[in-house]
């Protein structure tokens, strides 16, 4: 995505006030999220050892930032991409029962990102994971969880309005659910991203189910690694997949705005199936995957929610650099400044 400069953009909060608002949003939302899903806060790693299978490869192709550890015979460590598998292992280590879970602040470096209004080298999100029962591995359970998260979003948006009445709410009352295959059938001549845009524009907030699984055109709606979200299990509605992305319509930029990726995690059968589909069966020898196949990982649901993205959306900012300190190309900084977009 190239840089977008909205017409007639103006700051709704000065940088100093923005800093105050960021703190309010982060504190308010994580309190609502933890209460809604019954989560406890835990401390998370910035990096993990290479070769353990704990790091996530997102779409399956991203390379992590890595470095040698001198005092460990130069064994390599990797900055985390996300904590999907680490969190599931932690649920088991802490013996957290079904219906309860954990959340943490996840910080990552994604050196291959194209830098624009939404994408930064620095990633900050709330990573959360909740223990479930085998009987909870259903689309209904997924939808119920998404609705709980969406309620927390809307409550936080209302809090922003109470503090800053000139920032009026834009989220619809409810989130709409649609499968990626249904979007393909509705808009067969559009690309996946164009279909996403049509759905977000129409509904305001949409949860697209089945991200990662192959659709009837032979392609997935979007990439998803094969060893955490379950995108291949039949879900009882004539489609496959127990995962998805929460997409909002961003009226400032006039584009779809991905806020969260989440899903019910793979069981033993789905793990084997998805690794085979992605020709990644060699991962079955990694520690995490061996433990899962041995029944040592609890069934779970989890995801990530962008912290800076949430602040950007709720404060109606045009660039993620207005709510996050990172590195940007000089020409992007200059173009933004020329149009009143002040990057940190």
C-alpha atoms as a PDB file:
ATOM      1  CA  UNK A   1       0.000   0.000   0.000  1.00  0.00           C
ATOM      2  CA  UNK A   2       1.435   3.383  -0.972  1.00  0.00           C
ATOM      3  CA  UNK A   3       1.267   6.382   1.340  1.00  0.00           C
ATOM      4  CA  UNK A   4      -2.225   7.905   1.593  1.00  0.00           C
ATOM      5  CA  UNK A   5      -2.632  11.620   2.266  1.00  0.00           C
ATOM      6  CA  UNK A   6      -6.304  12.264   3.153  1.00  0.00           C
ATOM      7  CA  UNK A   7      -7.850  15.387   1.708  1.00  0.00           C
ATOM      8  CA  UNK A   8      -8.411  18.188   4.246  1.00  0.00           C
ATOM      9  CA  UNK A   9      -6.823  16.208   7.091  1.00  0.00           C
ATOM     10  CA  UNK A  10      -6.460  18.070  10.369  1.00  0.00           C
ATOM     11  CA  UNK A  11      -5.235  17.062  13.805  1.00  0.00           C
ATOM     12  CA  UNK A  12      -7.965  16.338  16.325  1.00  0.00           C
ATOM     13  CA  UNK A  13      -5.419  16.144  19.137  1.00  0.00           C
ATOM     14  CA  UNK A  14      -2.052  17.853  19.511  1.00  0.00           C
ATOM     15  CA  UNK A  15       0.949  15.514  19.971  1.00  0.00           C
ATOM     16  CA  UNK A  16       1.128  16.136  23.735  1.00  0.00           C
ATOM     17  CA  UNK A  17      -2.579  15.366  24.192  1.00  0.00           C
ATOM     18  CA  UNK A  18      -2.248  12.372  21.904  1.00  0.00           C
ATOM     19  CA  UNK A  19       0.268  10.879  24.329  1.00  0.00           C
ATOM     20  CA  UNK A  20      -2.276  11.191  27.140  1.00  0.00           C
ATOM     21  CA  UNK A  21      -4.996   9.629  24.983  1.00  0.00           C
ATOM     22  CA  UNK A  22      -2.764   6.690  24.014  1.00  0.00           C
ATOM     23  CA  UNK A  23      -2.265   5.866  27.694  1.00  0.00           C
ATOM     24  CA  UNK A  24      -6.010   6.095  28.366  1.00  0.00           C
ATOM     25  CA  UNK A  25      -6.874   3.808  25.455  1.00  0.00           C
ATOM     26  CA  UNK A  26      -4.292   1.151  26.251  1.00  0.00           C
ATOM     27  CA  UNK A  27      -5.209   0.989  29.918  1.00  0.00           C
ATOM     28  CA  UNK A  28      -8.953   1.001  29.270  1.00  0.00           C
ATOM     29  CA  UNK A  29      -9.004  -1.559  26.483  1.00  0.00           C
ATOM     30  CA  UNK A  30      -6.735  -4.135  28.102  1.00  0.00           C
ATOM     31  CA  UNK A  31      -8.810  -3.940  31.299  1.00  0.00           C
ATOM     32  CA  UNK A  32     -12.002  -4.547  29.305  1.00  0.00           C
ATOM     33  CA  UNK A  33     -10.410  -7.335  27.258  1.00  0.00           C
ATOM     34  CA  UNK A  34      -9.062  -9.166  30.297  1.00  0.00           C
ATOM     35  CA  UNK A  35     -12.402  -8.905  32.102  1.00  0.00           C
ATOM     36  CA  UNK A  36     -14.459 -10.056  29.092  1.00  0.00           C
ATOM     37  CA  UNK A  37     -12.299 -13.109  28.353  1.00  0.00           C
ATOM     38  CA  UNK A  38     -11.094 -13.754  31.926  1.00  0.00           C
ATOM     39  CA  UNK A  39      -7.425 -13.275  31.159  1.00  0.00           C
ATOM     40  CA  UNK A  40      -4.462 -12.741  33.459  1.00  0.00           C
ATOM     41  CA  UNK A  41      -1.455 -10.678  32.409  1.00  0.00           C
ATOM     42  CA  UNK A  42       1.894 -12.436  31.925  1.00  0.00           C
ATOM     43  CA  UNK A  43       5.389 -11.386  30.909  1.00  0.00           C
ATOM     44  CA  UNK A  44       6.453 -12.356  27.395  1.00  0.00           C
ATOM     45  CA  UNK A  45       9.821 -12.747  25.665  1.00  0.00           C
ATOM     46  CA  UNK A  46      11.147 -10.364  23.032  1.00  0.00           C
ATOM     47  CA  UNK A  47      13.092 -13.215  21.435  1.00  0.00           C
ATOM     48  CA  UNK A  48      13.185 -17.027  21.464  1.00  0.00           C
ATOM     49  CA  UNK A  49      15.765 -19.618  20.474  1.00  0.00           C
ATOM     50  CA  UNK A  50      15.858 -20.624  16.816  1.00  0.00           C
ATOM     51  CA  UNK A  51      14.911 -24.179  15.968  1.00  0.00           C
ATOM     52  CA  UNK A  52      12.380 -24.735  18.747  1.00  0.00           C
ATOM     53  CA  UNK A  53       9.266 -24.107  16.649  1.00  0.00           C
ATOM     54  CA  UNK A  54       8.001 -21.478  19.108  1.00  0.00           C
ATOM     55  CA  UNK A  55       8.363 -18.491  16.780  1.00  0.00           C
ATOM     56  CA  UNK A  56       5.572 -17.847  14.300  1.00  0.00           C
ATOM     57  CA  UNK A  57       6.158 -17.327  10.612  1.00  0.00           C
ATOM     58  CA  UNK A  58       2.863 -15.519  10.020  1.00  0.00           C
ATOM     59  CA  UNK A  59       2.199 -16.053   6.288  1.00  0.00           C
ATOM     60  CA  UNK A  60       4.912 -18.693   6.131  1.00  0.00           C
ATOM     61  CA  UNK A  61       7.551 -16.636   4.332  1.00  0.00           C
ATOM     62  CA  UNK A  62       8.720 -13.849   6.660  1.00  0.00           C
ATOM     63  CA  UNK A  63      12.286 -14.005   7.978  1.00  0.00           C
ATOM     64  CA  UNK A  64      12.784 -13.017  11.626  1.00  0.00           C
ATOM     65  CA  UNK A  65      15.394 -10.606  12.899  1.00  0.00           C
ATOM     66  CA  UNK A  66      18.042 -12.917  14.414  1.00  0.00           C
ATOM     67  CA  UNK A  67      21.344 -12.691  16.260  1.00  0.00           C
ATOM     68  CA  UNK A  68      23.978 -15.033  17.785  1.00  0.00           C
ATOM     69  CA  UNK A  69      24.282 -15.406  21.565  1.00  0.00           C
ATOM     70  CA  UNK A  70      28.004 -15.259  22.293  1.00  0.00           C
ATOM     71  CA  UNK A  71      27.919 -16.890  25.723  1.00  0.00           C
ATOM     72  CA  UNK A  72      25.888 -19.837  24.318  1.00  0.00           C
ATOM     73  CA  UNK A  73      28.382 -20.852  21.622  1.00  0.00           C
ATOM     74  CA  UNK A  74      26.736 -18.442  19.157  1.00  0.00           C
ATOM     75  CA  UNK A  75      23.419 -20.250  19.263  1.00  0.00           C
ATOM     76  CA  UNK A  76      20.928 -18.099  17.391  1.00  0.00           C
ATOM     77  CA  UNK A  77      17.948 -16.270  18.825  1.00  0.00           C
ATOM     78  CA  UNK A  78      15.055 -14.744  16.879  1.00  0.00           C
ATOM     79  CA  UNK A  79      12.968 -11.684  17.662  1.00  0.00           C
ATOM     80  CA  UNK A  80       9.399 -12.944  17.864  1.00  0.00           C
ATOM     81  CA  UNK A  81       6.942 -12.353  15.018  1.00  0.00           C
ATOM     82  CA  UNK A  82       4.033 -13.114  17.302  1.00  0.00           C
ATOM     83  CA  UNK A  83       3.461 -15.315  20.320  1.00  0.00           C
ATOM     84  CA  UNK A  84       0.724 -17.678  19.138  1.00  0.00           C
ATOM     85  CA  UNK A  85       2.586 -20.881  19.953  1.00  0.00           C
ATOM     86  CA  UNK A  86       4.459 -19.494  22.968  1.00  0.00           C
ATOM     87  CA  UNK A  87       1.149 -18.510  24.595  1.00  0.00           C
ATOM     88  CA  UNK A  88      -0.346 -21.952  24.098  1.00  0.00           C
ATOM     89  CA  UNK A  89       2.675 -23.541  25.704  1.00  0.00           C
ATOM     90  CA  UNK A  90       2.360 -21.094  28.612  1.00  0.00           C
ATOM     91  CA  UNK A  91      -1.300 -22.070  29.136  1.00  0.00           C
ATOM     92  CA  UNK A  92      -0.113 -25.616  29.650  1.00  0.00           C
ATOM     93  CA  UNK A  93       2.827 -24.658  31.840  1.00  0.00           C
ATOM     94  CA  UNK A  94       0.557 -22.642  34.150  1.00  0.00           C
ATOM     95  CA  UNK A  95      -2.234 -25.254  34.008  1.00  0.00           C
ATOM     96  CA  UNK A  96      -4.806 -22.573  33.219  1.00  0.00           C
ATOM     97  CA  UNK A  97      -8.248 -24.241  33.108  1.00  0.00           C
ATOM     98  CA  UNK A  98     -10.812 -23.971  30.314  1.00  0.00           C
ATOM     99  CA  UNK A  99     -12.613 -20.628  30.243  1.00  0.00           C
ATOM    100  CA  UNK A 100      -9.571 -18.688  31.466  1.00  0.00           C
ATOM    101  CA  UNK A 101      -6.451 -17.434  29.776  1.00  0.00           C
ATOM    102  CA  UNK A 102      -3.638 -14.939  29.560  1.00  0.00           C
ATOM    103  CA  UNK A 103      -2.599 -11.833  27.684  1.00  0.00           C
ATOM    104  CA  UNK A 104       0.650  -9.973  27.246  1.00  0.00           C
ATOM    105  CA  UNK A 105       2.296  -7.054  25.489  1.00  0.00           C
ATOM    106  CA  UNK A 106       3.948  -8.415  22.355  1.00  0.00           C
ATOM    107  CA  UNK A 107       6.672  -6.306  20.757  1.00  0.00           C
ATOM    108  CA  UNK A 108       8.277  -7.328  17.489  1.00  0.00           C
ATOM    109  CA  UNK A 109      10.470  -6.084  14.666  1.00  0.00           C
ATOM    110  CA  UNK A 110       9.390  -6.868  11.117  1.00  0.00           C
ATOM    111  CA  UNK A 111      12.248  -5.663   8.973  1.00  0.00           C
ATOM    112  CA  UNK A 112      10.610  -6.625   5.672  1.00  0.00           C
ATOM    113  CA  UNK A 113       7.508  -4.454   6.049  1.00  0.00           C
ATOM    114  CA  UNK A 114       6.641  -1.864   3.410  1.00  0.00           C
ATOM    115  CA  UNK A 115       6.307   1.318   5.425  1.00  0.00           C
ATOM    116  CA  UNK A 116       3.076   3.232   4.899  1.00  0.00           C
ATOM    117  CA  UNK A 117       0.084   4.554   6.849  1.00  0.00           C
ATOM    118  CA  UNK A 118      -0.579   1.201   8.570  1.00  0.00           C
ATOM    119  CA  UNK A 119       2.722  -0.682   8.496  1.00  0.00           C
ATOM    120  CA  UNK A 120       5.749  -0.078  10.680  1.00  0.00           C
ATOM    121  CA  UNK A 121       9.029  -1.807  11.436  1.00  0.00           C
ATOM    122  CA  UNK A 122       7.861  -1.953  15.048  1.00  0.00           C
ATOM    123  CA  UNK A 123       4.847  -4.059  15.959  1.00  0.00           C
ATOM    124  CA  UNK A 124       3.057  -3.777  19.285  1.00  0.00           C
ATOM    125  CA  UNK A 125      -0.038  -5.758  20.106  1.00  0.00           C
ATOM    126  CA  UNK A 126      -1.955  -7.454  22.854  1.00  0.00           C
ATOM    127  CA  UNK A 127      -1.395 -11.160  22.348  1.00  0.00           C
ATOM    128  CA  UNK A 128      -3.969 -13.261  24.187  1.00  0.00           C
ATOM    129  CA  UNK A 129      -4.736 -16.968  24.528  1.00  0.00           C
ATOM    130  CA  UNK A 130      -7.519 -18.809  26.305  1.00  0.00           C
ATOM    131  CA  UNK A 131      -7.859 -22.470  27.242  1.00  0.00           C
ATOM    132  CA  UNK A 132     -10.958 -24.137  25.828  1.00  0.00           C
ATOM    133  CA  UNK A 133     -12.475 -27.622  25.833  1.00  0.00           C
ATOM    134  CA  UNK A 134     -12.535 -29.912  22.817  1.00  0.00           C
ATOM    135  CA  UNK A 135     -16.294 -29.264  22.625  1.00  0.00           C
ATOM    136  CA  UNK A 136     -15.571 -25.516  22.268  1.00  0.00           C
ATOM    137  CA  UNK A 137     -13.806 -26.027  18.932  1.00  0.00           C
ATOM    138  CA  UNK A 138     -16.794 -24.653  17.019  1.00  0.00           C
ATOM    139  CA  UNK A 139     -17.645 -21.663  14.866  1.00  0.00           C
ATOM    140  CA  UNK A 140     -20.249 -20.565  17.416  1.00  0.00           C
ATOM    141  CA  UNK A 141     -17.579 -20.355  20.108  1.00  0.00           C
ATOM    142  CA  UNK A 142     -15.325 -18.349  17.790  1.00  0.00           C
ATOM    143  CA  UNK A 143     -18.122 -15.907  16.964  1.00  0.00           C
ATOM    144  CA  UNK A 144     -19.063 -15.487  20.616  1.00  0.00           C
ATOM    145  CA  UNK A 145     -15.453 -14.610  21.444  1.00  0.00           C
ATOM    146  CA  UNK A 146     -15.218 -12.118  18.575  1.00  0.00           C
ATOM    147  CA  UNK A 147     -18.376 -10.399  19.822  1.00  0.00           C
ATOM    148  CA  UNK A 148     -16.912 -10.088  23.323  1.00  0.00           C
ATOM    149  CA  UNK A 149     -13.798  -8.441  21.899  1.00  0.00           C
ATOM    150  CA  UNK A 150     -15.870  -6.159  19.704  1.00  0.00           C
ATOM    151  CA  UNK A 151     -17.920  -5.049  22.700  1.00  0.00           C
ATOM    152  CA  UNK A 152     -14.669  -4.084  24.449  1.00  0.00           C
ATOM    153  CA  UNK A 153     -13.691  -2.075  21.357  1.00  0.00           C
ATOM    154  CA  UNK A 154     -16.972  -0.173  21.284  1.00  0.00           C
ATOM    155  CA  UNK A 155     -16.838   0.540  25.015  1.00  0.00           C
ATOM    156  CA  UNK A 156     -13.342   1.964  24.591  1.00  0.00           C
ATOM    157  CA  UNK A 157     -14.505   4.068  21.653  1.00  0.00           C
ATOM    158  CA  UNK A 158     -17.260   5.494  23.872  1.00  0.00           C
ATOM    159  CA  UNK A 159     -14.682   6.299  26.554  1.00  0.00           C
ATOM    160  CA  UNK A 160     -12.635   8.253  23.980  1.00  0.00           C
ATOM    161  CA  UNK A 161     -15.765  10.221  23.051  1.00  0.00           C
ATOM    162  CA  UNK A 162     -16.444  11.022  26.709  1.00  0.00           C
ATOM    163  CA  UNK A 163     -12.902  12.364  27.121  1.00  0.00           C
ATOM    164  CA  UNK A 164     -12.697  14.099  23.728  1.00  0.00           C
ATOM    165  CA  UNK A 165     -16.256  14.866  22.515  1.00  0.00           C
ATOM    166  CA  UNK A 166     -15.073  16.142  19.110  1.00  0.00           C
ATOM    167  CA  UNK A 167     -13.891  12.597  18.248  1.00  0.00           C
ATOM    168  CA  UNK A 168     -17.254  11.047  17.478  1.00  0.00           C
ATOM    169  CA  UNK A 169     -17.716   7.236  17.351  1.00  0.00           C
ATOM    170  CA  UNK A 170     -17.828   5.487  13.966  1.00  0.00           C
ATOM    171  CA  UNK A 171     -18.106   1.776  14.810  1.00  0.00           C
ATOM    172  CA  UNK A 172     -21.411   0.036  14.000  1.00  0.00           C
ATOM    173  CA  UNK A 173     -23.423  -1.556  16.798  1.00  0.00           C
ATOM    174  CA  UNK A 174     -22.485  -5.096  15.738  1.00  0.00           C
ATOM    175  CA  UNK A 175     -19.762  -6.946  13.875  1.00  0.00           C
ATOM    176  CA  UNK A 176     -20.830  -8.899  10.763  1.00  0.00           C
ATOM    177  CA  UNK A 177     -19.499 -12.394  10.039  1.00  0.00           C
ATOM    178  CA  UNK A 178     -18.772 -13.606   6.512  1.00  0.00           C
ATOM    179  CA  UNK A 179     -16.686 -16.481   5.177  1.00  0.00           C
ATOM    180  CA  UNK A 180     -13.920 -15.750   2.686  1.00  0.00           C
ATOM    181  CA  UNK A 181     -15.611 -18.114   0.220  1.00  0.00           C
ATOM    182  CA  UNK A 182     -18.867 -16.156   0.474  1.00  0.00           C
ATOM    183  CA  UNK A 183     -16.988 -12.969  -0.401  1.00  0.00           C
ATOM    184  CA  UNK A 184     -15.437 -14.723  -3.383  1.00  0.00           C
ATOM    185  CA  UNK A 185     -18.879 -15.768  -4.616  1.00  0.00           C
ATOM    186  CA  UNK A 186     -20.259 -12.242  -4.110  1.00  0.00           C
ATOM    187  CA  UNK A 187     -17.348 -10.510  -5.845  1.00  0.00           C
ATOM    188  CA  UNK A 188     -15.759 -13.079  -8.208  1.00  0.00           C
ATOM    189  CA  UNK A 189     -14.059 -10.438 -10.358  1.00  0.00           C
ATOM    190  CA  UNK A 190     -12.301  -8.679  -7.473  1.00  0.00           C
ATOM    191  CA  UNK A 191      -9.019  -9.469  -5.768  1.00  0.00           C
ATOM    192  CA  UNK A 192      -9.027 -10.664  -2.161  1.00  0.00           C
ATOM    193  CA  UNK A 193      -8.083  -7.206  -0.872  1.00  0.00           C
ATOM    194  CA  UNK A 194     -10.775  -5.602  -3.013  1.00  0.00           C
ATOM    195  CA  UNK A 195     -13.344  -8.044  -1.643  1.00  0.00           C
ATOM    196  CA  UNK A 196     -12.179  -7.162   1.863  1.00  0.00           C
ATOM    197  CA  UNK A 197     -12.647  -3.486   1.093  1.00  0.00           C
ATOM    198  CA  UNK A 198     -16.184  -4.000  -0.207  1.00  0.00           C
ATOM    199  CA  UNK A 199     -17.187  -5.954   2.903  1.00  0.00           C
ATOM    200  CA  UNK A 200     -15.622  -3.446   5.313  1.00  0.00           C
ATOM    201  CA  UNK A 201     -17.190  -0.490   3.499  1.00  0.00           C
ATOM    202  CA  UNK A 202     -20.608  -2.167   3.527  1.00  0.00           C
ATOM    203  CA  UNK A 203     -20.675  -3.352   7.144  1.00  0.00           C
ATOM    204  CA  UNK A 204     -18.266  -1.040   8.982  1.00  0.00           C
ATOM    205  CA  UNK A 205     -16.903  -3.974  10.982  1.00  0.00           C
ATOM    206  CA  UNK A 206     -16.578  -7.454   9.505  1.00  0.00           C
ATOM    207  CA  UNK A 207     -14.973 -10.685  10.665  1.00  0.00           C
ATOM    208  CA  UNK A 208     -13.774 -12.704   7.662  1.00  0.00           C
ATOM    209  CA  UNK A 209     -13.688 -16.420   8.456  1.00  0.00           C
ATOM    210  CA  UNK A 210     -11.346 -19.008   6.966  1.00  0.00           C
ATOM    211  CA  UNK A 211      -8.160 -16.980   6.398  1.00  0.00           C
ATOM    212  CA  UNK A 212      -5.424 -19.299   5.086  1.00  0.00           C
ATOM    213  CA  UNK A 213      -7.552 -22.057   3.593  1.00  0.00           C
ATOM    214  CA  UNK A 214      -7.812 -22.617  -0.156  1.00  0.00           C
ATOM    215  CA  UNK A 215     -10.991 -21.214  -1.719  1.00  0.00           C
ATOM    216  CA  UNK A 216     -12.893 -22.450  -4.781  1.00  0.00           C
ATOM    217  CA  UNK A 217     -10.612 -20.404  -7.061  1.00  0.00           C
ATOM    218  CA  UNK A 218      -7.626 -22.399  -5.818  1.00  0.00           C
ATOM    219  CA  UNK A 219      -6.195 -19.541  -3.741  1.00  0.00           C
ATOM    220  CA  UNK A 220      -6.412 -18.559  -0.062  1.00  0.00           C
ATOM    221  CA  UNK A 221      -8.002 -15.222   0.831  1.00  0.00           C
ATOM    222  CA  UNK A 222      -4.750 -14.379   2.592  1.00  0.00           C
ATOM    223  CA  UNK A 223      -1.759 -16.261   3.933  1.00  0.00           C
ATOM    224  CA  UNK A 224      -1.701 -17.901   7.344  1.00  0.00           C
ATOM    225  CA  UNK A 225       0.929 -20.207   8.827  1.00  0.00           C
ATOM    226  CA  UNK A 226      -0.120 -23.865   9.060  1.00  0.00           C
ATOM    227  CA  UNK A 227       0.710 -24.547  12.689  1.00  0.00           C
ATOM    228  CA  UNK A 228      -1.363 -22.270  14.873  1.00  0.00           C
ATOM    229  CA  UNK A 229      -4.793 -21.191  13.490  1.00  0.00           C
ATOM    230  CA  UNK A 230      -7.139 -23.947  12.312  1.00  0.00           C
ATOM    231  CA  UNK A 231      -8.197 -22.896   8.808  1.00  0.00           C
ATOM    232  CA  UNK A 232      -8.978 -26.357   7.425  1.00  0.00           C
ATOM    233  CA  UNK A 233     -11.562 -27.986   9.720  1.00  0.00           C
ATOM    234  CA  UNK A 234     -15.211 -28.021   8.465  1.00  0.00           C
ATOM    235  CA  UNK A 235     -17.101 -25.454  10.532  1.00  0.00           C
ATOM    236  CA  UNK A 236     -20.709 -26.608  10.163  1.00  0.00           C
ATOM    237  CA  UNK A 237     -21.756 -23.826   7.771  1.00  0.00           C
ATOM    238  CA  UNK A 238     -20.669 -25.524   4.572  1.00  0.00           C
ATOM    239  CA  UNK A 239     -17.167 -24.058   4.695  1.00  0.00           C
ATOM    240  CA  UNK A 240     -13.829 -24.709   6.388  1.00  0.00           C
ATOM    241  CA  UNK A 241     -12.001 -22.725   8.993  1.00  0.00           C
ATOM    242  CA  UNK A 242     -12.257 -21.774  12.673  1.00  0.00           C
ATOM    243  CA  UNK A 243     -10.274 -18.557  12.418  1.00  0.00           C
ATOM    244  CA  UNK A 244     -10.413 -15.133  10.811  1.00  0.00           C
ATOM    245  CA  UNK A 245      -9.515 -11.439  10.689  1.00  0.00           C
ATOM    246  CA  UNK A 246     -11.390  -8.504  12.182  1.00  0.00           C
ATOM    247  CA  UNK A 247     -11.545  -5.721   9.586  1.00  0.00           C
ATOM    248  CA  UNK A 248     -12.917  -2.227  10.294  1.00  0.00           C
ATOM    249  CA  UNK A 249     -13.720   0.507   7.795  1.00  0.00           C
ATOM    250  CA  UNK A 250     -11.385   3.451   8.320  1.00  0.00           C
ATOM    251  CA  UNK A 251     -13.220   6.660   7.335  1.00  0.00           C
ATOM    252  CA  UNK A 252     -10.098   8.822   7.665  1.00  0.00           C
ATOM    253  CA  UNK A 253      -8.147   6.882   5.036  1.00  0.00           C
ATOM    254  CA  UNK A 254     -11.209   5.446   3.263  1.00  0.00           C
ATOM    255  CA  UNK A 255      -9.747   1.919   3.370  1.00  0.00           C
ATOM    256  CA  UNK A 256     -10.275  -1.422   5.174  1.00  0.00           C
ATOM    257  CA  UNK A 257      -8.350  -1.559   8.428  1.00  0.00           C
ATOM    258  CA  UNK A 258      -7.230  -4.902   9.865  1.00  0.00           C
ATOM    259  CA  UNK A 259      -7.199  -4.712  13.645  1.00  0.00           C
ATOM    260  CA  UNK A 260      -7.006  -8.317  14.792  1.00  0.00           C
ATOM    261  CA  UNK A 261      -6.189 -11.809  13.618  1.00  0.00           C
ATOM    262  CA  UNK A 262      -7.419 -14.695  15.757  1.00  0.00           C
ATOM    263  CA  UNK A 263      -8.740 -18.214  15.785  1.00  0.00           C
ATOM    264  CA  UNK A 264      -9.233 -21.554  17.406  1.00  0.00           C
ATOM    265  CA  UNK A 265      -5.871 -23.297  17.316  1.00  0.00           C
ATOM    266  CA  UNK A 266      -5.008 -26.505  15.507  1.00  0.00           C
ATOM    267  CA  UNK A 267      -5.542 -29.870  17.138  1.00  0.00           C
ATOM    268  CA  UNK A 268      -3.407 -32.879  16.245  1.00  0.00           C
ATOM    269  CA  UNK A 269      -5.438 -33.739  13.149  1.00  0.00           C
ATOM    270  CA  UNK A 270      -5.536 -30.182  11.795  1.00  0.00           C
ATOM    271  CA  UNK A 271      -1.811 -29.719  12.433  1.00  0.00           C
ATOM    272  CA  UNK A 272      -0.891 -32.795  10.386  1.00  0.00           C
ATOM    273  CA  UNK A 273      -3.326 -31.854   7.628  1.00  0.00           C
ATOM    274  CA  UNK A 274      -2.198 -28.240   7.327  1.00  0.00           C
ATOM    275  CA  UNK A 275       1.513 -29.048   7.438  1.00  0.00           C
ATOM    276  CA  UNK A 276       0.956 -31.524   4.620  1.00  0.00           C
ATOM    277  CA  UNK A 277      -1.010 -28.983   2.584  1.00  0.00           C
ATOM    278  CA  UNK A 278       1.830 -26.462   2.968  1.00  0.00           C
ATOM    279  CA  UNK A 279       4.599 -29.048   2.440  1.00  0.00           C
ATOM    280  CA  UNK A 280       5.997 -28.285   5.909  1.00  0.00           C
ATOM    281  CA  UNK A 281       5.890 -31.768   7.427  1.00  0.00           C
ATOM    282  CA  UNK A 282       9.520 -31.398   8.529  1.00  0.00           C
ATOM    283  CA  UNK A 283       8.200 -29.166  11.332  1.00  0.00           C
ATOM    284  CA  UNK A 284       6.721 -32.246  13.007  1.00  0.00           C
ATOM    285  CA  UNK A 285      10.193 -32.816  14.477  1.00  0.00           C
ATOM    286  CA  UNK A 286      10.284 -29.452  16.274  1.00  0.00           C
ATOM    287  CA  UNK A 287       9.711 -29.397  20.030  1.00  0.00           C
ATOM    288  CA  UNK A 288       6.427 -27.475  19.983  1.00  0.00           C
ATOM    289  CA  UNK A 289       4.881 -29.659  17.316  1.00  0.00           C
ATOM    290  CA  UNK A 290       5.987 -32.877  18.979  1.00  0.00           C
ATOM    291  CA  UNK A 291       4.438 -31.746  22.264  1.00  0.00           C
ATOM    292  CA  UNK A 292       1.179 -30.862  20.536  1.00  0.00           C
ATOM    293  CA  UNK A 293       1.013 -34.256  18.825  1.00  0.00           C
ATOM    294  CA  UNK A 294       1.726 -35.912  22.164  1.00  0.00           C
ATOM    295  CA  UNK A 295      -1.328 -34.212  23.700  1.00  0.00           C
ATOM    296  CA  UNK A 296       0.770 -31.947  25.900  1.00  0.00           C
ATOM    297  CA  UNK A 297      -0.752 -28.681  24.621  1.00  0.00           C
ATOM    298  CA  UNK A 298      -4.229 -27.631  25.790  1.00  0.00           C
ATOM    299  CA  UNK A 299      -6.885 -26.815  23.189  1.00  0.00           C
ATOM    300  CA  UNK A 300      -7.052 -23.051  22.901  1.00  0.00           C
ATOM    301  CA  UNK A 301      -8.254 -19.968  21.103  1.00  0.00           C
ATOM    302  CA  UNK A 302      -6.170 -16.838  20.731  1.00  0.00           C
ATOM    303  CA  UNK A 303      -5.083 -13.889  18.686  1.00  0.00           C
ATOM    304  CA  UNK A 304      -3.438 -10.519  18.531  1.00  0.00           C
ATOM    305  CA  UNK A 305      -4.894  -7.000  18.633  1.00  0.00           C
ATOM    306  CA  UNK A 306      -2.750  -4.136  17.394  1.00  0.00           C
ATOM    307  CA  UNK A 307      -2.124  -1.564  20.120  1.00  0.00           C
ATOM    308  CA  UNK A 308      -0.924   1.277  17.899  1.00  0.00           C
ATOM    309  CA  UNK A 309      -3.548   0.403  15.305  1.00  0.00           C
ATOM    310  CA  UNK A 310      -6.298   0.626  17.909  1.00  0.00           C
ATOM    311  CA  UNK A 311      -5.021   4.019  19.088  1.00  0.00           C
ATOM    312  CA  UNK A 312      -4.705   5.227  15.503  1.00  0.00           C
ATOM    313  CA  UNK A 313      -8.271   4.180  14.695  1.00  0.00           C
ATOM    314  CA  UNK A 314      -9.945   5.483  17.838  1.00  0.00           C
ATOM    315  CA  UNK A 315      -8.085   8.819  17.713  1.00  0.00           C
ATOM    316  CA  UNK A 316      -8.852   9.086  13.984  1.00  0.00           C
ATOM    317  CA  UNK A 317      -5.237   9.525  12.942  1.00  0.00           C
ATOM    318  CA  UNK A 318      -4.008   9.251   9.346  1.00  0.00           C
ATOM    319  CA  UNK A 319      -0.694   7.467  10.029  1.00  0.00           C
ATOM    320  CA  UNK A 320       0.425   4.904  12.577  1.00  0.00           C
ATOM    321  CA  UNK A 321       3.512   7.057  13.147  1.00  0.00           C
ATOM    322  CA  UNK A 322       1.249   9.595  14.855  1.00  0.00           C
ATOM    323  CA  UNK A 323       0.767   7.182  17.770  1.00  0.00           C
ATOM    324  CA  UNK A 324       4.010   5.165  17.644  1.00  0.00           C
ATOM    325  CA  UNK A 325       7.716   6.008  17.668  1.00  0.00           C
ATOM    326  CA  UNK A 326       9.499   4.230  14.835  1.00  0.00           C
ATOM    327  CA  UNK A 327      11.695   4.854  11.777  1.00  0.00           C
ATOM    328  CA  UNK A 328      10.281   6.215   8.525  1.00  0.00           C
ATOM    329  CA  UNK A 329      11.799   7.206   5.170  1.00  0.00           C
ATOM    330  CA  UNK A 330      12.728  10.889   5.118  1.00  0.00           C
ATOM    331  CA  UNK A 331      10.538  11.543   2.079  1.00  0.00           C
ATOM    332  CA  UNK A 332       7.539  10.017   3.923  1.00  0.00           C
ATOM    333  CA  UNK A 333       8.169  12.177   6.982  1.00  0.00           C
ATOM    334  CA  UNK A 334       8.373  15.279   4.785  1.00  0.00           C
ATOM    335  CA  UNK A 335       5.225  14.424   2.807  1.00  0.00           C
ATOM    336  CA  UNK A 336       3.273  13.842   5.997  1.00  0.00           C
ATOM    337  CA  UNK A 337       4.511  17.035   7.642  1.00  0.00           C
ATOM    338  CA  UNK A 338       3.533  19.048   4.568  1.00  0.00           C
ATOM    339  CA  UNK A 339      -0.066  17.903   5.067  1.00  0.00           C
ATOM    340  CA  UNK A 340      -0.253  18.317   8.834  1.00  0.00           C
ATOM    341  CA  UNK A 341       0.478  14.673   9.729  1.00  0.00           C
ATOM    342  CA  UNK A 342       3.059  14.818  12.516  1.00  0.00           C
ATOM    343  CA  UNK A 343       5.007  11.573  12.990  1.00  0.00           C
ATOM    344  CA  UNK A 344       6.585  10.803  16.355  1.00  0.00           C
END
